[in-house]
Every structure is written in C-alpha cells, then in structure tokens.
N, C-alpha and C. Protein backbone atom coordinates (compact mmCIF):
# COMPACT_ATOMS: atom_id res chain seq x y z
N MET A 1 0.79 17.34 12.34
CA MET A 1 0.61 15.89 12.21
C MET A 1 -0.79 15.65 11.59
N SER A 2 -0.79 14.80 10.50
CA SER A 2 -2.04 14.56 9.84
C SER A 2 -2.02 13.11 9.38
N THR A 3 -3.25 12.70 8.97
CA THR A 3 -3.41 11.32 8.49
C THR A 3 -3.57 11.39 6.95
N ILE A 4 -2.78 10.66 6.27
CA ILE A 4 -2.81 10.65 4.78
C ILE A 4 -3.40 9.29 4.36
N TYR A 5 -4.41 9.42 3.51
CA TYR A 5 -5.13 8.17 3.08
C TYR A 5 -4.71 7.86 1.65
N ARG A 6 -4.53 6.55 1.38
CA ARG A 6 -4.29 6.04 0.06
C ARG A 6 -5.13 4.82 -0.16
N ASN A 7 -5.67 4.69 -1.31
CA ASN A 7 -6.51 3.45 -1.70
C ASN A 7 -5.91 2.77 -2.92
N ARG A 8 -5.90 1.53 -2.90
CA ARG A 8 -5.45 0.66 -4.01
C ARG A 8 -6.49 -0.44 -4.23
N THR A 9 -6.89 -0.64 -5.51
CA THR A 9 -7.71 -1.82 -5.88
C THR A 9 -6.83 -2.76 -6.71
N ILE A 10 -6.84 -4.01 -6.28
CA ILE A 10 -6.09 -5.02 -7.04
C ILE A 10 -7.01 -5.43 -8.18
N ARG A 11 -6.45 -5.18 -9.36
CA ARG A 11 -7.18 -5.39 -10.64
C ARG A 11 -6.52 -6.42 -11.55
N PRO A 12 -6.69 -7.67 -11.30
CA PRO A 12 -6.07 -8.57 -12.17
C PRO A 12 -6.64 -8.55 -13.70
N SER A 13 -7.76 -8.01 -13.87
CA SER A 13 -8.41 -7.93 -15.16
C SER A 13 -7.60 -7.06 -16.08
N SER A 14 -6.93 -6.08 -15.53
CA SER A 14 -6.21 -5.06 -16.39
C SER A 14 -4.74 -5.21 -16.25
N ARG A 15 -4.17 -6.24 -15.63
CA ARG A 15 -2.75 -6.41 -15.46
C ARG A 15 -2.28 -7.76 -15.95
N LEU A 16 -1.05 -7.80 -16.33
CA LEU A 16 -0.46 -9.10 -16.72
C LEU A 16 -0.56 -10.12 -15.53
N GLU A 17 -0.63 -11.30 -15.77
CA GLU A 17 -0.67 -12.30 -14.76
C GLU A 17 0.56 -12.36 -13.88
N THR A 18 1.66 -12.06 -14.40
CA THR A 18 2.97 -11.97 -13.74
C THR A 18 3.19 -10.71 -12.97
N SER A 19 2.30 -9.78 -13.16
CA SER A 19 2.46 -8.48 -12.44
C SER A 19 1.80 -8.47 -11.11
N VAL A 20 2.50 -8.72 -9.98
CA VAL A 20 1.93 -8.81 -8.75
C VAL A 20 2.36 -7.81 -7.74
N SER A 21 3.20 -6.77 -8.26
CA SER A 21 3.70 -5.78 -7.39
C SER A 21 2.83 -4.48 -7.55
N TYR A 22 2.40 -3.86 -6.47
CA TYR A 22 1.63 -2.60 -6.57
C TYR A 22 2.45 -1.47 -5.86
N LYS A 23 2.35 -0.25 -6.24
CA LYS A 23 3.05 0.91 -5.79
C LYS A 23 2.04 1.82 -5.11
N ILE A 24 2.62 2.37 -3.92
CA ILE A 24 1.85 3.44 -3.22
C ILE A 24 2.72 4.66 -3.15
N ASN A 25 2.28 5.80 -3.58
CA ASN A 25 3.01 7.06 -3.58
C ASN A 25 3.09 7.57 -2.16
N THR A 26 4.38 7.86 -1.76
CA THR A 26 4.53 8.43 -0.37
C THR A 26 5.26 9.77 -0.41
N GLU A 27 5.43 10.43 -1.55
CA GLU A 27 6.15 11.67 -1.69
C GLU A 27 5.62 12.77 -0.74
N LYS A 28 4.38 12.84 -0.39
CA LYS A 28 3.92 13.93 0.46
C LYS A 28 3.74 13.55 1.87
N VAL A 29 4.25 12.40 2.26
CA VAL A 29 4.19 12.02 3.65
C VAL A 29 5.36 12.57 4.45
N THR A 30 5.13 13.24 5.51
CA THR A 30 6.20 13.73 6.34
C THR A 30 6.36 12.88 7.62
N THR A 31 7.51 13.09 8.31
CA THR A 31 7.82 12.26 9.47
C THR A 31 6.71 12.34 10.56
N ASN A 32 5.91 13.42 10.60
CA ASN A 32 4.94 13.52 11.62
C ASN A 32 3.54 12.97 11.26
N ASP A 33 3.40 12.50 10.01
CA ASP A 33 2.14 12.06 9.51
C ASP A 33 1.94 10.51 9.83
N THR A 34 0.76 10.11 9.54
CA THR A 34 0.40 8.64 9.55
C THR A 34 -0.18 8.39 8.16
N LEU A 35 0.35 7.33 7.55
CA LEU A 35 -0.20 6.82 6.26
C LEU A 35 -1.09 5.68 6.46
N VAL A 36 -2.33 5.81 6.10
CA VAL A 36 -3.31 4.73 6.06
C VAL A 36 -3.61 4.30 4.70
N ILE A 37 -3.43 2.98 4.40
CA ILE A 37 -3.59 2.43 3.08
C ILE A 37 -4.73 1.42 3.16
N THR A 38 -5.75 1.60 2.26
CA THR A 38 -6.82 0.64 2.16
C THR A 38 -6.71 -0.09 0.91
N ILE A 39 -6.69 -1.43 0.97
CA ILE A 39 -6.55 -2.19 -0.32
C ILE A 39 -7.75 -3.12 -0.43
N ASN A 40 -8.32 -3.16 -1.56
CA ASN A 40 -9.46 -4.06 -1.92
C ASN A 40 -9.17 -4.77 -3.20
N HIS A 41 -10.09 -5.66 -3.50
CA HIS A 41 -9.92 -6.52 -4.78
C HIS A 41 -11.07 -6.25 -5.59
N GLU A 42 -11.01 -6.15 -6.92
CA GLU A 42 -12.07 -5.91 -7.84
C GLU A 42 -13.08 -7.03 -7.90
N SER A 43 -12.75 -8.26 -7.62
CA SER A 43 -13.70 -9.42 -7.88
C SER A 43 -13.78 -10.38 -6.65
N GLU A 44 -12.85 -10.09 -5.60
CA GLU A 44 -12.90 -11.00 -4.46
C GLU A 44 -13.45 -10.28 -3.26
N ASN A 45 -13.91 -10.87 -2.27
CA ASN A 45 -14.28 -10.34 -1.00
C ASN A 45 -12.99 -10.13 -0.15
N PHE A 46 -12.26 -9.00 -0.54
CA PHE A 46 -10.98 -8.73 0.10
C PHE A 46 -10.91 -7.23 0.44
N HIS A 47 -10.62 -6.89 1.66
CA HIS A 47 -10.59 -5.55 2.13
C HIS A 47 -9.68 -5.47 3.31
N LYS A 48 -8.51 -4.82 3.19
CA LYS A 48 -7.56 -4.73 4.31
C LYS A 48 -7.10 -3.26 4.47
N GLU A 49 -6.88 -2.90 5.76
CA GLU A 49 -6.25 -1.57 5.97
C GLU A 49 -5.03 -1.71 6.70
N PHE A 50 -4.05 -0.89 6.30
CA PHE A 50 -2.70 -0.87 6.90
C PHE A 50 -2.29 0.54 7.26
N SER A 51 -1.51 0.65 8.38
CA SER A 51 -1.16 1.96 8.88
C SER A 51 0.40 1.92 9.01
N PHE A 52 0.95 3.07 8.66
CA PHE A 52 2.43 3.29 8.73
C PHE A 52 2.70 4.58 9.37
N SER A 53 3.72 4.71 10.17
CA SER A 53 4.14 5.97 10.76
C SER A 53 4.89 6.70 9.67
N GLY A 54 4.78 7.94 9.69
CA GLY A 54 5.55 8.83 8.67
C GLY A 54 6.92 8.59 8.76
N GLU A 55 7.47 8.34 9.96
CA GLU A 55 8.90 8.22 10.11
C GLU A 55 9.46 7.02 9.23
N LYS A 56 8.61 5.99 9.00
CA LYS A 56 9.09 4.85 8.25
C LYS A 56 8.99 5.10 6.74
N VAL A 57 8.24 6.00 6.27
CA VAL A 57 8.10 6.12 4.82
C VAL A 57 8.34 7.56 4.31
N ALA A 58 8.72 8.53 5.16
CA ALA A 58 8.86 9.89 4.78
C ALA A 58 9.99 10.14 3.73
N ASN A 59 11.03 9.42 3.82
CA ASN A 59 12.21 9.63 2.92
C ASN A 59 12.10 8.80 1.65
N ARG A 60 10.91 8.28 1.41
CA ARG A 60 10.76 7.41 0.24
C ARG A 60 9.82 8.07 -0.76
N SER A 61 9.98 7.93 -2.02
CA SER A 61 9.01 8.41 -3.00
C SER A 61 7.78 7.49 -3.09
N SER A 62 7.95 6.20 -2.73
CA SER A 62 6.91 5.19 -2.79
C SER A 62 7.29 3.95 -1.95
N ILE A 63 6.23 3.17 -1.65
CA ILE A 63 6.48 1.88 -1.04
C ILE A 63 5.67 0.89 -1.95
N HIS A 64 5.97 -0.42 -1.76
CA HIS A 64 5.43 -1.42 -2.66
C HIS A 64 4.91 -2.63 -1.83
N PHE A 65 3.86 -3.22 -2.42
CA PHE A 65 3.40 -4.47 -1.85
C PHE A 65 3.11 -5.44 -2.93
N ARG A 66 3.13 -6.68 -2.62
CA ARG A 66 2.85 -7.76 -3.55
C ARG A 66 1.55 -8.43 -3.05
N TYR A 67 0.70 -8.81 -4.08
CA TYR A 67 -0.48 -9.58 -3.70
C TYR A 67 -0.37 -10.95 -4.31
N ILE A 68 -0.20 -11.97 -3.41
CA ILE A 68 0.09 -13.29 -3.78
C ILE A 68 -0.79 -14.22 -3.02
N ASN A 69 -1.59 -15.01 -3.70
CA ASN A 69 -2.52 -15.97 -3.05
C ASN A 69 -3.33 -15.32 -1.95
N GLY A 70 -3.90 -14.16 -2.05
CA GLY A 70 -4.74 -13.50 -1.16
C GLY A 70 -3.97 -12.83 0.03
N GLU A 71 -2.68 -12.74 -0.05
CA GLU A 71 -1.88 -12.15 0.97
C GLU A 71 -1.19 -10.90 0.53
N ILE A 72 -1.04 -9.86 1.36
CA ILE A 72 -0.28 -8.70 1.06
C ILE A 72 1.04 -8.80 1.68
N ILE A 73 2.05 -8.66 0.93
CA ILE A 73 3.45 -8.72 1.46
C ILE A 73 4.13 -7.37 1.10
N TRP A 74 4.54 -6.62 2.23
CA TRP A 74 5.05 -5.31 2.02
C TRP A 74 6.62 -5.47 1.91
N SER A 75 7.19 -4.56 1.06
CA SER A 75 8.51 -4.53 0.88
C SER A 75 9.01 -3.13 0.56
N PRO A 76 10.01 -2.60 1.30
CA PRO A 76 10.84 -3.16 2.29
C PRO A 76 10.40 -2.57 3.65
N VAL A 77 9.25 -1.81 3.72
CA VAL A 77 8.89 -1.14 4.97
C VAL A 77 8.08 -2.02 5.90
N GLN A 78 8.20 -1.78 7.21
CA GLN A 78 7.49 -2.58 8.16
C GLN A 78 6.27 -1.84 8.72
N LEU A 79 5.20 -2.62 8.97
CA LEU A 79 3.94 -2.06 9.53
C LEU A 79 4.13 -1.60 10.92
N ASP A 80 3.28 -0.68 11.32
CA ASP A 80 3.24 -0.20 12.74
C ASP A 80 2.55 -1.19 13.62
C-alpha cells in the first residue's frame, strides 16, 4: 500500500475559456493505494487537496474534474 501524489495547476492563461475540464492520470494506482491530488491556480489564491482510495480509481485510466467559479467538481468518482 502506497500513497500516490498528483499535482495540477489550473492555467486559464494557456487554455480556451470554454475548457474547464482537467484530467488526472490514474493508470498506476492499485486498489491498495491512496491517491492524493493537490490542485492550485496560477493566478488566484487557490489551493486544495483531495484524497481517493485506490479501490475507487484503480480500474480507470484517469479521473476528471471541472473548475467552475472557484469550485472543483469531480466526475464521476466520489471523494473519500
């Protein structure tokens, strides 16, 4: 059992305004792992950390979130 860390920076300066979905690679996460994702923003005071059990993401190649009006919305996986 190990903890796998992923970091994402929300970068509106390099994305289309309509592009609000972000991808997190989960290919190497096993059912016994914990996935910890840290998300920050390039120009706002925004820093959040999320934790997922490996059981919820192990059979996926990726999970996605949307950043809308300062909120993170996960799809389709649920947080621990």
